[in-house]
Amino acid sequence: MEIHWTQLLEKEDTTALRKVWTKNYVVNNPNGKIATVEDIIGLIRSKHKFPAVERIIEKITFNQNIAVVMGTELAQPEKTNPNLDEKITRRFTNIWIKSKAGWQLAARQATGVVQK
């Protein structure tokens, strides 16, 4: 599911994303802003390009119908960055809920890692 929803985001498939996300899906994004489904759909419709992301899952914890996925993301920098080969490292937590509709992404946190 992690790979699937990431591919849908890259393809900008808002119809399929609405099926993967819960109705109240919420993101605390790397810019420190909280975004809702409608916020994200609005960004896609305004031609915002989300960066390509390689997600490295380090831990998945299941608690009844909830799965918590944690790990590292390597994101492609924006085109305004002069070094497009350099990846941006982030830590992430994705929370999935299993319902009659199957596994759906309910919440997400992504935070940039400061390189020392």
PDB file of N, CA and C in Angstrom:
ATOM      1  N   MET A   1       0.822  -1.198   0.000  1.00  0.00           N
ATOM      2  CA  MET A   1       0.000   0.000   0.000  1.00  0.00           C
ATOM      3  C   MET A   1       0.865   1.260   0.000  1.00  0.00           C
ATOM      4  N   GLU A   2       2.005   1.205   0.700  1.00  0.00           N
ATOM      5  CA  GLU A   2       2.894   2.378   0.720  1.00  0.00           C
ATOM      6  C   GLU A   2       3.370   2.717  -0.692  1.00  0.00           C
ATOM      7  N   ILE A   3       3.781   1.710  -1.438  1.00  0.00           N
ATOM      8  CA  ILE A   3       4.237   1.937  -2.815  1.00  0.00           C
ATOM      9  C   ILE A   3       3.073   2.403  -3.680  1.00  0.00           C
ATOM     10  N   HIS A   4       1.932   1.745  -3.520  1.00  0.00           N
ATOM     11  CA  HIS A   4       0.760   2.049  -4.346  1.00  0.00           C
ATOM     12  C   HIS A   4       0.316   3.502  -4.206  1.00  0.00           C
ATOM     13  N   TRP A   5       0.157   3.975  -2.964  1.00  0.00           N
ATOM     14  CA  TRP A   5      -0.354   5.347  -2.821  1.00  0.00           C
ATOM     15  C   TRP A   5       0.674   6.375  -3.284  1.00  0.00           C
ATOM     16  N   THR A   6       1.965   6.054  -3.127  1.00  0.00           N
ATOM     17  CA  THR A   6       3.013   6.959  -3.601  1.00  0.00           C
ATOM     18  C   THR A   6       2.963   7.072  -5.122  1.00  0.00           C
ATOM     19  N   GLN A   7       2.741   5.949  -5.796  1.00  0.00           N
ATOM     20  CA  GLN A   7       2.618   5.965  -7.252  1.00  0.00           C
ATOM     21  C   GLN A   7       1.399   6.762  -7.698  1.00  0.00           C
ATOM     22  N   LEU A   8       0.292   6.626  -6.973  1.00  0.00           N
ATOM     23  CA  LEU A   8      -0.912   7.393  -7.299  1.00  0.00           C
ATOM     24  C   LEU A   8      -0.663   8.884  -7.157  1.00  0.00           C
ATOM     25  N   LEU A   9       0.086   9.286  -6.144  1.00  0.00           N
ATOM     26  CA  LEU A   9       0.406  10.695  -5.942  1.00  0.00           C
ATOM     27  C   LEU A   9       1.283  11.195  -7.092  1.00  0.00           C
ATOM     28  N   GLU A  10       2.283  10.396  -7.484  1.00  0.00           N
ATOM     29  CA  GLU A  10       3.149  10.784  -8.601  1.00  0.00           C
ATOM     30  C   GLU A  10       2.366  10.905  -9.903  1.00  0.00           C
ATOM     31  N   LYS A  11       1.346  10.047 -10.083  1.00  0.00           N
ATOM     32  CA  LYS A  11       0.506  10.070 -11.290  1.00  0.00           C
ATOM     33  C   LYS A  11      -0.587  11.132 -11.208  1.00  0.00           C
ATOM     34  N   GLU A  12      -0.730  11.740 -10.024  1.00  0.00           N
ATOM     35  CA  GLU A  12      -1.761  12.750  -9.775  1.00  0.00           C
ATOM     36  C   GLU A  12      -3.166  12.187  -9.979  1.00  0.00           C
ATOM     37  N   ASP A  13      -3.358  10.931  -9.581  1.00  0.00           N
ATOM     38  CA  ASP A  13      -4.643  10.245  -9.737  1.00  0.00           C
ATOM     39  C   ASP A  13      -5.520  10.540  -8.517  1.00  0.00           C
ATOM     40  N   THR A  14      -6.186  11.670  -8.557  1.00  0.00           N
ATOM     41  CA  THR A  14      -6.966  12.115  -7.402  1.00  0.00           C
ATOM     42  C   THR A  14      -8.154  11.196  -7.105  1.00  0.00           C
ATOM     43  N   THR A  15      -8.736  10.600  -8.135  1.00  0.00           N
ATOM     44  CA  THR A  15      -9.869   9.686  -7.921  1.00  0.00           C
ATOM     45  C   THR A  15      -9.423   8.472  -7.111  1.00  0.00           C
ATOM     46  N   ALA A  16      -8.320   7.865  -7.507  1.00  0.00           N
ATOM     47  CA  ALA A  16      -7.809   6.692  -6.789  1.00  0.00           C
ATOM     48  C   ALA A  16      -7.282   7.074  -5.406  1.00  0.00           C
ATOM     49  N   LEU A  17      -6.648   8.253  -5.286  1.00  0.00           N
ATOM     50  CA  LEU A  17      -6.141   8.694  -3.987  1.00  0.00           C
ATOM     51  C   LEU A  17      -7.273   8.855  -2.988  1.00  0.00           C
ATOM     52  N   ARG A  18      -8.405   9.366  -3.426  1.00  0.00           N
ATOM     53  CA  ARG A  18      -9.558   9.527  -2.522  1.00  0.00           C
ATOM     54  C   ARG A  18     -10.022   8.179  -1.969  1.00  0.00           C
ATOM     55  N   LYS A  19      -9.795   7.094  -2.720  1.00  0.00           N
ATOM     56  CA  LYS A  19     -10.164   5.752  -2.247  1.00  0.00           C
ATOM     57  C   LYS A  19      -9.128   5.215  -1.265  1.00  0.00           C
ATOM     58  N   VAL A  20      -7.865   5.594  -1.438  1.00  0.00           N
ATOM     59  CA  VAL A  20      -6.788   5.134  -0.555  1.00  0.00           C
ATOM     60  C   VAL A  20      -6.801   5.912   0.759  1.00  0.00           C
ATOM     61  N   TRP A  21      -7.113   7.191   0.697  1.00  0.00           N
ATOM     62  CA  TRP A  21      -7.146   8.027   1.895  1.00  0.00           C
ATOM     63  C   TRP A  21      -8.498   7.909   2.579  1.00  0.00           C
ATOM     64  N   THR A  22      -8.506   8.017   3.919  1.00  0.00           N
ATOM     65  CA  THR A  22      -9.777   8.133   4.622  1.00  0.00           C
ATOM     66  C   THR A  22     -10.377   9.499   4.283  1.00  0.00           C
ATOM     67  N   LYS A  23     -11.650   9.650   4.546  1.00  0.00           N
ATOM     68  CA  LYS A  23     -12.339  10.924   4.277  1.00  0.00           C
ATOM     69  C   LYS A  23     -11.661  12.077   5.020  1.00  0.00           C
ATOM     70  N   ASN A  24     -11.174  11.801   6.216  1.00  0.00           N
ATOM     71  CA  ASN A  24     -10.564  12.837   7.054  1.00  0.00           C
ATOM     72  C   ASN A  24      -9.041  12.742   7.096  1.00  0.00           C
ATOM     73  N   TYR A  25      -8.434  12.183   6.047  1.00  0.00           N
ATOM     74  CA  TYR A  25      -6.971  12.068   5.968  1.00  0.00           C
ATOM     75  C   TYR A  25      -6.331  13.433   6.207  1.00  0.00           C
ATOM     76  N   VAL A  26      -5.258  13.436   6.998  1.00  0.00           N
ATOM     77  CA  VAL A  26      -4.586  14.687   7.341  1.00  0.00           C
ATOM     78  C   VAL A  26      -3.079  14.456   7.332  1.00  0.00           C
ATOM     79  N   VAL A  27      -2.347  15.487   6.907  1.00  0.00           N
ATOM     80  CA  VAL A  27      -0.887  15.408   6.814  1.00  0.00           C
ATOM     81  C   VAL A  27      -0.272  16.569   7.573  1.00  0.00           C
ATOM     82  N   ASN A  28       0.729  16.270   8.377  1.00  0.00           N
ATOM     83  CA  ASN A  28       1.593  17.305   8.937  1.00  0.00           C
ATOM     84  C   ASN A  28       2.820  17.260   8.037  1.00  0.00           C
ATOM     85  N   ASN A  29       2.898  18.194   7.093  1.00  0.00           N
ATOM     86  CA  ASN A  29       3.896  18.085   6.026  1.00  0.00           C
ATOM     87  C   ASN A  29       5.274  18.601   6.441  1.00  0.00           C
ATOM     88  N   PRO A  30       6.287  18.364   5.601  1.00  0.00           N
ATOM     89  CA  PRO A  30       7.652  18.784   5.946  1.00  0.00           C
ATOM     90  C   PRO A  30       7.817  20.295   6.123  1.00  0.00           C
ATOM     91  N   ASN A  31       6.851  21.074   5.637  1.00  0.00           N
ATOM     92  CA  ASN A  31       6.898  22.528   5.816  1.00  0.00           C
ATOM     93  C   ASN A  31       6.248  22.963   7.124  1.00  0.00           C
ATOM     94  N   GLY A  32       5.819  21.974   7.929  1.00  0.00           N
ATOM     95  CA  GLY A  32       5.204  22.292   9.210  1.00  0.00           C
ATOM     96  C   GLY A  32       3.759  22.727   9.100  1.00  0.00           C
ATOM     97  N   LYS A  33       3.112  22.442   7.981  1.00  0.00           N
ATOM     98  CA  LYS A  33       1.714  22.814   7.786  1.00  0.00           C
ATOM     99  C   LYS A  33       0.847  21.567   7.818  1.00  0.00           C
ATOM    100  N   ILE A  34      -0.357  21.724   8.324  1.00  0.00           N
ATOM    101  CA  ILE A  34      -1.320  20.631   8.332  1.00  0.00           C
ATOM    102  C   ILE A  34      -2.182  20.764   7.089  1.00  0.00           C
ATOM    103  N   ALA A  35      -2.280  19.653   6.337  1.00  0.00           N
ATOM    104  CA  ALA A  35      -3.034  19.661   5.085  1.00  0.00           C
ATOM    105  C   ALA A  35      -4.108  18.579   5.118  1.00  0.00           C
ATOM    106  N   THR A  36      -5.279  18.912   4.560  1.00  0.00           N
ATOM    107  CA  THR A  36      -6.402  17.988   4.465  1.00  0.00           C
ATOM    108  C   THR A  36      -6.459  17.405   3.050  1.00  0.00           C
ATOM    109  N   VAL A  37      -7.390  16.482   2.843  1.00  0.00           N
ATOM    110  CA  VAL A  37      -7.598  15.912   1.508  1.00  0.00           C
ATOM    111  C   VAL A  37      -7.848  17.031   0.505  1.00  0.00           C
ATOM    112  N   GLU A  38      -8.733  17.950   0.841  1.00  0.00           N
ATOM    113  CA  GLU A  38      -9.070  19.024  -0.106  1.00  0.00           C
ATOM    114  C   GLU A  38      -7.869  19.931  -0.385  1.00  0.00           C
ATOM    115  N   ASP A  39      -7.045  20.171   0.630  1.00  0.00           N
ATOM    116  CA  ASP A  39      -5.823  20.966   0.418  1.00  0.00           C
ATOM    117  C   ASP A  39      -4.912  20.279  -0.596  1.00  0.00           C
ATOM    118  N   ILE A  40      -4.721  18.970  -0.436  1.00  0.00           N
ATOM    119  CA  ILE A  40      -3.819  18.231  -1.314  1.00  0.00           C
ATOM    120  C   ILE A  40      -4.389  18.148  -2.730  1.00  0.00           C
ATOM    121  N   ILE A  41      -5.671  17.869  -2.849  1.00  0.00           N
ATOM    122  CA  ILE A  41      -6.321  17.832  -4.172  1.00  0.00           C
ATOM    123  C   ILE A  41      -6.186  19.200  -4.841  1.00  0.00           C
ATOM    124  N   GLY A  42      -6.359  20.268  -4.083  1.00  0.00           N
ATOM    125  CA  GLY A  42      -6.198  21.616  -4.620  1.00  0.00           C
ATOM    126  C   GLY A  42      -4.796  21.857  -5.148  1.00  0.00           C
ATOM    127  N   LEU A  43      -3.796  21.386  -4.428  1.00  0.00           N
ATOM    128  CA  LEU A  43      -2.413  21.517  -4.897  1.00  0.00           C
ATOM    129  C   LEU A  43      -2.205  20.778  -6.210  1.00  0.00           C
ATOM    130  N   ILE A  44      -2.726  19.555  -6.291  1.00  0.00           N
ATOM    131  CA  ILE A  44      -2.581  18.770  -7.520  1.00  0.00           C
ATOM    132  C   ILE A  44      -3.268  19.480  -8.683  1.00  0.00           C
ATOM    133  N   ARG A  45      -4.454  19.979  -8.454  1.00  0.00           N
ATOM    134  CA  ARG A  45      -5.195  20.679  -9.525  1.00  0.00           C
ATOM    135  C   ARG A  45      -4.511  21.973  -9.951  1.00  0.00           C
ATOM    136  N   SER A  46      -3.748  22.581  -9.042  1.00  0.00           N
ATOM    137  CA  SER A  46      -3.035  23.818  -9.377  1.00  0.00           C
ATOM    138  C   SER A  46      -1.672  23.529 -10.019  1.00  0.00           C
ATOM    139  N   LYS A  47      -1.465  22.244 -10.380  1.00  0.00           N
ATOM    140  CA  LYS A  47      -0.243  21.798 -11.078  1.00  0.00           C
ATOM    141  C   LYS A  47       0.986  21.719 -10.173  1.00  0.00           C
ATOM    142  N   HIS A  48       0.782  21.705  -8.845  1.00  0.00           N
ATOM    143  CA  HIS A  48       1.900  21.482  -7.917  1.00  0.00           C
ATOM    144  C   HIS A  48       2.434  20.075  -8.142  1.00  0.00           C
ATOM    145  N   LYS A  49       3.727  19.935  -8.243  1.00  0.00           N
ATOM    146  CA  LYS A  49       4.358  18.633  -8.416  1.00  0.00           C
ATOM    147  C   LYS A  49       4.956  18.178  -7.088  1.00  0.00           C
ATOM    148  N   PHE A  50       4.469  17.060  -6.570  1.00  0.00           N
ATOM    149  CA  PHE A  50       5.067  16.489  -5.377  1.00  0.00           C
ATOM    150  C   PHE A  50       6.365  15.799  -5.782  1.00  0.00           C
ATOM    151  N   PRO A  51       7.392  15.866  -4.945  1.00  0.00           N
ATOM    152  CA  PRO A  51       8.677  15.271  -5.319  1.00  0.00           C
ATOM    153  C   PRO A  51       8.602  13.746  -5.373  1.00  0.00           C
ATOM    154  N   ALA A  52       9.392  13.166  -6.257  1.00  0.00           N
ATOM    155  CA  ALA A  52       9.526  11.710  -6.269  1.00  0.00           C
ATOM    156  C   ALA A  52      10.158  11.306  -4.936  1.00  0.00           C
ATOM    157  N   VAL A  53       9.649  10.224  -4.351  1.00  0.00           N
ATOM    158  CA  VAL A  53      10.095   9.817  -3.023  1.00  0.00           C
ATOM    159  C   VAL A  53      10.445   8.331  -3.016  1.00  0.00           C
ATOM    160  N   GLU A  54      11.585   8.024  -2.416  1.00  0.00           N
ATOM    161  CA  GLU A  54      11.930   6.641  -2.120  1.00  0.00           C
ATOM    162  C   GLU A  54      11.704   6.460  -0.619  1.00  0.00           C
ATOM    163  N   ARG A  55      10.798   5.563  -0.271  1.00  0.00           N
ATOM    164  CA  ARG A  55      10.447   5.365   1.132  1.00  0.00           C
ATOM    165  C   ARG A  55      11.122   4.093   1.641  1.00  0.00           C
ATOM    166  N   ILE A  56      11.849   4.203   2.733  1.00  0.00           N
ATOM    167  CA  ILE A  56      12.531   3.068   3.359  1.00  0.00           C
ATOM    168  C   ILE A  56      11.797   2.771   4.665  1.00  0.00           C
ATOM    169  N   ILE A  57      11.031   1.697   4.659  1.00  0.00           N
ATOM    170  CA  ILE A  57      10.241   1.336   5.838  1.00  0.00           C
ATOM    171  C   ILE A  57      11.156   0.652   6.845  1.00  0.00           C
ATOM    172  N   GLU A  58      11.160   1.173   8.056  1.00  0.00           N
ATOM    173  CA  GLU A  58      11.996   0.623   9.122  1.00  0.00           C
ATOM    174  C   GLU A  58      11.189  -0.179  10.136  1.00  0.00           C
ATOM    175  N   LYS A  59       9.917   0.160  10.295  1.00  0.00           N
ATOM    176  CA  LYS A  59       9.098  -0.526  11.303  1.00  0.00           C
ATOM    177  C   LYS A  59       7.627  -0.389  10.931  1.00  0.00           C
ATOM    178  N   ILE A  60       6.909  -1.507  11.024  1.00  0.00           N
ATOM    179  CA  ILE A  60       5.452  -1.504  10.897  1.00  0.00           C
ATOM    180  C   ILE A  60       4.905  -2.159  12.154  1.00  0.00           C
ATOM    181  N   THR A  61       4.010  -1.460  12.828  1.00  0.00           N
ATOM    182  CA  THR A  61       3.389  -1.978  14.041  1.00  0.00           C
ATOM    183  C   THR A  61       1.889  -2.095  13.796  1.00  0.00           C
ATOM    184  N   PHE A  62       1.331  -3.263  14.105  1.00  0.00           N
ATOM    185  CA  PHE A  62      -0.106  -3.486  13.952  1.00  0.00           C
ATOM    186  C   PHE A  62      -0.763  -3.515  15.322  1.00  0.00           C
ATOM    187  N   ASN A  63      -1.849  -2.778  15.457  1.00  0.00           N
ATOM    188  CA  ASN A  63      -2.677  -2.762  16.654  1.00  0.00           C
ATOM    189  C   ASN A  63      -4.122  -2.896  16.189  1.00  0.00           C
ATOM    190  N   GLN A  64      -4.633  -4.114  16.232  1.00  0.00           N
ATOM    191  CA  GLN A  64      -5.980  -4.426  15.749  1.00  0.00           C
ATOM    192  C   GLN A  64      -6.127  -3.959  14.309  1.00  0.00           C
ATOM    193  N   ASN A  65      -6.949  -2.957  14.043  1.00  0.00           N
ATOM    194  CA  ASN A  65      -7.180  -2.506  12.666  1.00  0.00           C
ATOM    195  C   ASN A  65      -6.345  -1.283  12.294  1.00  0.00           C
ATOM    196  N   ILE A  66      -5.274  -1.025  13.030  1.00  0.00           N
ATOM    197  CA  ILE A  66      -4.413   0.137  12.779  1.00  0.00           C
ATOM    198  C   ILE A  66      -2.993  -0.347  12.511  1.00  0.00           C
ATOM    199  N   ALA A  67      -2.388   0.204  11.472  1.00  0.00           N
ATOM    200  CA  ALA A  67      -0.979  -0.063  11.180  1.00  0.00           C
ATOM    201  C   ALA A  67      -0.233   1.262  11.202  1.00  0.00           C
ATOM    202  N   VAL A  68       0.885   1.288  11.926  1.00  0.00           N
ATOM    203  CA  VAL A  68       1.735   2.471  11.988  1.00  0.00           C
ATOM    204  C   VAL A  68       3.033   2.126  11.245  1.00  0.00           C
ATOM    205  N   VAL A  69       3.316   2.887  10.197  1.00  0.00           N
ATOM    206  CA  VAL A  69       4.496   2.651   9.366  1.00  0.00           C
ATOM    207  C   VAL A  69       5.468   3.804   9.600  1.00  0.00           C
ATOM    208  N   MET A  70       6.721   3.463   9.932  1.00  0.00           N
ATOM    209  CA  MET A  70       7.736   4.490  10.211  1.00  0.00           C
ATOM    210  C   MET A  70       8.999   4.208   9.423  1.00  0.00           C
ATOM    211  N   GLY A  71       9.701   5.278   9.074  1.00  0.00           N
ATOM    212  CA  GLY A  71      10.961   5.096   8.382  1.00  0.00           C
ATOM    213  C   GLY A  71      11.550   6.388   7.861  1.00  0.00           C
ATOM    214  N   THR A  72      12.353   6.236   6.811  1.00  0.00           N
ATOM    215  CA  THR A  72      13.067   7.339   6.185  1.00  0.00           C
ATOM    216  C   THR A  72      12.582   7.512   4.762  1.00  0.00           C
ATOM    217  N   GLU A  73      12.497   8.749   4.317  1.00  0.00           N
ATOM    218  CA  GLU A  73      12.181   9.055   2.923  1.00  0.00           C
ATOM    219  C   GLU A  73      13.347   9.812   2.308  1.00  0.00           C
ATOM    220  N   LEU A  74      13.616   9.512   1.056  1.00  0.00           N
ATOM    221  CA  LEU A  74      14.592  10.276   0.282  1.00  0.00           C
ATOM    222  C   LEU A  74      13.799  10.937  -0.841  1.00  0.00           C
ATOM    223  N   ALA A  75      13.677  12.252  -0.755  1.00  0.00           N
ATOM    224  CA  ALA A  75      12.838  12.998  -1.689  1.00  0.00           C
ATOM    225  C   ALA A  75      13.693  13.744  -2.705  1.00  0.00           C
ATOM    226  N   GLN A  76      13.205  13.761  -3.936  1.00  0.00           N
ATOM    227  CA  GLN A  76      13.856  14.530  -4.999  1.00  0.00           C
ATOM    228  C   GLN A  76      13.658  16.012  -4.687  1.00  0.00           C
ATOM    229  N   PRO A  77      14.726  16.820  -4.716  1.00  0.00           N
ATOM    230  CA  PRO A  77      14.552  18.251  -4.436  1.00  0.00           C
ATOM    231  C   PRO A  77      13.751  18.945  -5.542  1.00  0.00           C
ATOM    232  N   GLU A  78      13.236  20.121  -5.203  1.00  0.00           N
ATOM    233  CA  GLU A  78      12.498  20.915  -6.193  1.00  0.00           C
ATOM    234  C   GLU A  78      13.410  21.331  -7.328  1.00  0.00           C
ATOM    235  N   LYS A  79      12.811  21.614  -8.472  1.00  0.00           N
ATOM    236  CA  LYS A  79      13.588  21.998  -9.650  1.00  0.00           C
ATOM    237  C   LYS A  79      14.376  23.285  -9.445  1.00  0.00           C
ATOM    238  N   THR A  80      14.001  24.056  -8.431  1.00  0.00           N
ATOM    239  CA  THR A  80      14.732  25.297  -8.159  1.00  0.00           C
ATOM    240  C   THR A  80      16.053  25.029  -7.443  1.00  0.00           C
ATOM    241  N   ASN A  81      16.224  23.796  -6.933  1.00  0.00           N
ATOM    242  CA  ASN A  81      17.463  23.415  -6.255  1.00  0.00           C
ATOM    243  C   ASN A  81      18.522  23.125  -7.318  1.00  0.00           C
ATOM    244  N   PRO A  82      19.697  23.738  -7.237  1.00  0.00           N
ATOM    245  CA  PRO A  82      20.714  23.536  -8.275  1.00  0.00           C
ATOM    246  C   PRO A  82      21.273  22.112  -8.320  1.00  0.00           C
ATOM    247  N   ASN A  83      21.168  21.346  -7.233  1.00  0.00           N
ATOM    248  CA  ASN A  83      21.710  19.995  -7.202  1.00  0.00           C
ATOM    249  C   ASN A  83      20.570  18.977  -7.147  1.00  0.00           C
ATOM    250  N   LEU A  84      20.020  18.628  -8.318  1.00  0.00           N
ATOM    251  CA  LEU A  84      18.883  17.722  -8.374  1.00  0.00           C
ATOM    252  C   LEU A  84      19.254  16.280  -8.033  1.00  0.00           C
ATOM    253  N   ASP A  85      20.551  15.962  -8.033  1.00  0.00           N
ATOM    254  CA  ASP A  85      20.974  14.603  -7.691  1.00  0.00           C
ATOM    255  C   ASP A  85      21.015  14.381  -6.181  1.00  0.00           C
ATOM    256  N   GLU A  86      21.028  15.448  -5.423  1.00  0.00           N
ATOM    257  CA  GLU A  86      21.093  15.359  -3.968  1.00  0.00           C
ATOM    258  C   GLU A  86      19.687  15.147  -3.422  1.00  0.00           C
ATOM    259  N   LYS A  87      19.490  14.100  -2.627  1.00  0.00           N
ATOM    260  CA  LYS A  87      18.175  13.787  -2.069  1.00  0.00           C
ATOM    261  C   LYS A  87      17.977  14.489  -0.730  1.00  0.00           C
ATOM    262  N   ILE A  88      16.737  14.831  -0.443  1.00  0.00           N
ATOM    263  CA  ILE A  88      16.364  15.425   0.834  1.00  0.00           C
ATOM    264  C   ILE A  88      15.913  14.286   1.747  1.00  0.00           C
ATOM    265  N   THR A  89      16.516  14.181   2.919  1.00  0.00           N
ATOM    266  CA  THR A  89      16.182  13.116   3.861  1.00  0.00           C
ATOM    267  C   THR A  89      15.092  13.592   4.815  1.00  0.00           C
ATOM    268  N   ARG A  90      14.063  12.749   4.953  1.00  0.00           N
ATOM    269  CA  ARG A  90      12.972  13.040   5.876  1.00  0.00           C
ATOM    270  C   ARG A  90      12.656  11.798   6.696  1.00  0.00           C
ATOM    271  N   ARG A  91      12.107  12.001   7.879  1.00  0.00           N
ATOM    272  CA  ARG A  91      11.542  10.926   8.688  1.00  0.00           C
ATOM    273  C   ARG A  91      10.034  10.974   8.490  1.00  0.00           C
ATOM    274  N   PHE A  92       9.392   9.805   8.455  1.00  0.00           N
ATOM    275  CA  PHE A  92       7.943   9.790   8.236  1.00  0.00           C
ATOM    276  C   PHE A  92       7.257   8.797   9.157  1.00  0.00           C
ATOM    277  N   THR A  93       5.989   9.067   9.402  1.00  0.00           N
ATOM    278  CA  THR A  93       5.076   8.148  10.071  1.00  0.00           C
ATOM    279  C   THR A  93       3.764   8.191   9.292  1.00  0.00           C
ATOM    280  N   ASN A  94       3.308   7.034   8.850  1.00  0.00           N
ATOM    281  CA  ASN A  94       2.021   6.916   8.167  1.00  0.00           C
ATOM    282  C   ASN A  94       1.122   6.007   8.994  1.00  0.00           C
ATOM    283  N   ILE A  95      -0.127   6.415   9.170  1.00  0.00           N
ATOM    284  CA  ILE A  95      -1.083   5.644   9.970  1.00  0.00           C
ATOM    285  C   ILE A  95      -2.206   5.157   9.063  1.00  0.00           C
ATOM    286  N   TRP A  96      -2.326   3.831   8.989  1.00  0.00           N
ATOM    287  CA  TRP A  96      -3.323   3.169   8.150  1.00  0.00           C
ATOM    288  C   TRP A  96      -4.408   2.553   9.037  1.00  0.00           C
ATOM    289  N   ILE A  97      -5.638   2.575   8.532  1.00  0.00           N
ATOM    290  CA  ILE A  97      -6.766   1.967   9.232  1.00  0.00           C
ATOM    291  C   ILE A  97      -7.425   0.956   8.283  1.00  0.00           C
ATOM    292  N   LYS A  98      -7.689  -0.236   8.808  1.00  0.00           N
ATOM    293  CA  LYS A  98      -8.372  -1.251   8.007  1.00  0.00           C
ATOM    294  C   LYS A  98      -9.859  -1.197   8.311  1.00  0.00           C
ATOM    295  N   SER A  99     -10.646  -1.006   7.247  1.00  0.00           N
ATOM    296  CA  SER A  99     -12.100  -0.947   7.380  1.00  0.00           C
ATOM    297  C   SER A  99     -12.716  -1.872   6.330  1.00  0.00           C
ATOM    298  N   LYS A 100     -14.020  -1.796   6.173  1.00  0.00           N
ATOM    299  CA  LYS A 100     -14.686  -2.593   5.135  1.00  0.00           C
ATOM    300  C   LYS A 100     -14.156  -2.249   3.754  1.00  0.00           C
ATOM    301  N   ALA A 101     -13.649  -1.022   3.572  1.00  0.00           N
ATOM    302  CA  ALA A 101     -13.105  -0.577   2.282  1.00  0.00           C
ATOM    303  C   ALA A 101     -11.669  -1.071   2.072  1.00  0.00           C
ATOM    304  N   GLY A 102     -11.080  -1.728   3.074  1.00  0.00           N
ATOM    305  CA  GLY A 102      -9.686  -2.176   3.007  1.00  0.00           C
ATOM    306  C   GLY A 102      -8.800  -1.218   3.788  1.00  0.00           C
ATOM    307  N   TRP A 103      -7.483  -1.302   3.556  1.00  0.00           N
ATOM    308  CA  TRP A 103      -6.542  -0.413   4.246  1.00  0.00           C
ATOM    309  C   TRP A 103      -6.607   0.976   3.634  1.00  0.00           C
ATOM    310  N   GLN A 104      -6.762   1.990   4.497  1.00  0.00           N
ATOM    311  CA  GLN A 104      -6.786   3.380   4.053  1.00  0.00           C
ATOM    312  C   GLN A 104      -5.837   4.200   4.915  1.00  0.00           C
ATOM    313  N   LEU A 105      -5.172   5.155   4.265  1.00  0.00           N
ATOM    314  CA  LEU A 105      -4.245   6.042   4.956  1.00  0.00           C
ATOM    315  C   LEU A 105      -5.044   7.123   5.679  1.00  0.00           C
ATOM    316  N   ALA A 106      -4.872   7.211   7.006  1.00  0.00           N
ATOM    317  CA  ALA A 106      -5.645   8.141   7.822  1.00  0.00           C
ATOM    318  C   ALA A 106      -4.860   9.392   8.196  1.00  0.00           C
ATOM    319  N   ALA A 107      -3.543   9.233   8.406  1.00  0.00           N
ATOM    320  CA  ALA A 107      -2.729  10.379   8.827  1.00  0.00           C
ATOM    321  C   ALA A 107      -1.273  10.146   8.446  1.00  0.00           C
ATOM    322  N   ARG A 108      -0.567  11.257   8.310  1.00  0.00           N
ATOM    323  CA  ARG A 108       0.833  11.195   7.910  1.00  0.00           C
ATOM    324  C   ARG A 108       1.599  12.357   8.511  1.00  0.00           C
ATOM    325  N   GLN A 109       2.836  12.087   8.908  1.00  0.00           N
ATOM    326  CA  GLN A 109       3.774  13.107   9.398  1.00  0.00           C
ATOM    327  C   GLN A 109       5.072  12.923   8.621  1.00  0.00           C
ATOM    328  N   ALA A 110       5.622  13.979   8.085  1.00  0.00           N
ATOM    329  CA  ALA A 110       6.918  13.926   7.417  1.00  0.00           C
ATOM    330  C   ALA A 110       7.720  15.139   7.868  1.00  0.00           C
ATOM    331  N   THR A 111       8.945  14.884   8.326  1.00  0.00           N
ATOM    332  CA  THR A 111       9.793  15.943   8.870  1.00  0.00           C
ATOM    333  C   THR A 111      11.175  15.850   8.263  1.00  0.00           C
ATOM    334  N   GLY A 112      11.685  16.969   7.796  1.00  0.00           N
ATOM    335  CA  GLY A 112      13.036  17.009   7.250  1.00  0.00           C
ATOM    336  C   GLY A 112      14.064  16.720   8.317  1.00  0.00           C
ATOM    337  N   VAL A 113      15.149  16.047   7.913  1.00  0.00           N
ATOM    338  CA  VAL A 113      16.248  15.742   8.805  1.00  0.00           C
ATOM    339  C   VAL A 113      17.354  16.747   8.534  1.00  0.00           C
ATOM    340  N   VAL A 114      17.783  17.423   9.582  1.00  0.00           N
ATOM    341  CA  VAL A 114      18.865  18.412   9.455  1.00  0.00           C
ATOM    342  C   VAL A 114      20.185  17.666   9.397  1.00  0.00           C
ATOM    343  N   GLN A 115      20.940  17.884   8.339  1.00  0.00           N
ATOM    344  CA  GLN A 115      22.250  17.238   8.190  1.00  0.00           C
ATOM    345  C   GLN A 115      23.272  18.015   8.991  1.00  0.00           C
ATOM    346  N   LYS A 116      24.062  17.302   9.803  1.00  0.00           N
ATOM    347  CA  LYS A 116      25.080  17.975  10.633  1.00  0.00           C
ATOM    348  C   LYS A 116      26.449  17.825  10.007  1.00  0.00           C
TER     349      LYS A 116
END
